[in-house]
Amino acid sequence: MDFAFVCWNCEADNNVWGKPRGFWTELYELPDEWDCWWCEATNTTPPPPWTPAA
């Protein structure tokens, strides 16, 4: 499932893929850091809850 985050540097919307953890589909594992697709700044994943991407 993709989750929506905003870049701290350029405020671009980014979708980060979350891998399901185990049997429970409501628990997801996301990377600790990800790079913005627009400005390539490194962002830190905030603590849950996360907003699913539309």
Protein backbone atom coordinates (compact mmCIF):
# COMPACT_ATOMS: atom_id res chain seq x y z
CA MET A 1 0.00 0.00 0.00
CA ASP A 2 1.24 3.50 -0.80
CA PHE A 3 1.26 6.21 1.86
CA ALA A 4 1.31 9.97 1.19
CA PHE A 5 4.01 12.20 2.71
CA VAL A 6 5.09 15.79 2.07
CA CYS A 7 8.76 16.66 1.52
CA TRP A 8 10.22 18.93 4.20
CA ASN A 9 12.31 20.80 1.63
CA CYS A 10 10.05 21.49 -1.38
CA GLU A 11 6.64 20.42 0.00
CA ALA A 12 6.06 18.05 -2.94
CA ASP A 13 3.68 15.14 -2.40
CA ASN A 14 5.46 11.78 -2.27
CA ASN A 15 4.07 8.25 -2.22
CA VAL A 16 6.06 5.73 -0.19
CA TRP A 17 5.30 2.03 -0.51
CA GLY A 18 4.58 0.19 2.74
CA LYS A 19 5.19 -3.55 2.89
CA PRO A 20 2.52 -5.53 4.80
CA ARG A 21 3.89 -6.99 8.04
CA GLY A 22 2.87 -10.57 8.61
CA PHE A 23 -0.72 -11.76 8.44
CA TRP A 24 -2.35 -8.51 9.60
CA THR A 25 -3.01 -6.24 6.63
CA GLU A 26 -3.44 -3.13 8.79
CA LEU A 27 0.23 -3.20 9.88
CA TYR A 28 2.80 -1.91 7.41
CA GLU A 29 6.56 -1.50 7.39
CA LEU A 30 7.99 1.65 5.77
CA PRO A 31 11.62 2.68 5.26
CA ASP A 32 13.10 4.97 7.92
CA GLU A 33 14.23 7.41 5.22
CA TRP A 34 13.18 8.10 1.63
CA ASP A 35 14.21 10.54 -1.09
CA CYS A 36 11.87 13.12 -2.59
CA TRP A 37 11.09 12.46 -6.25
CA TRP A 38 11.26 16.19 -7.05
CA CYS A 39 14.22 17.70 -5.16
CA GLU A 40 15.93 14.44 -4.02
CA ALA A 41 16.08 15.63 -0.39
CA THR A 42 16.24 12.86 2.20
CA ASN A 43 13.14 12.72 4.39
CA THR A 44 12.45 10.81 7.60
CA THR A 45 9.28 8.75 7.90
CA PRO A 46 7.11 10.16 10.70
CA PRO A 47 5.57 7.87 13.32
CA PRO A 48 2.17 6.31 12.48
CA PRO A 49 -0.69 6.75 11.80
CA TRP A 50 0.00 7.34 8.11
CA THR A 51 -2.34 8.63 5.42
CA PRO A 52 -2.97 6.17 2.57
CA ALA A 53 -2.27 7.66 -0.86
CA ALA A 54 -5.25 8.18 -3.12
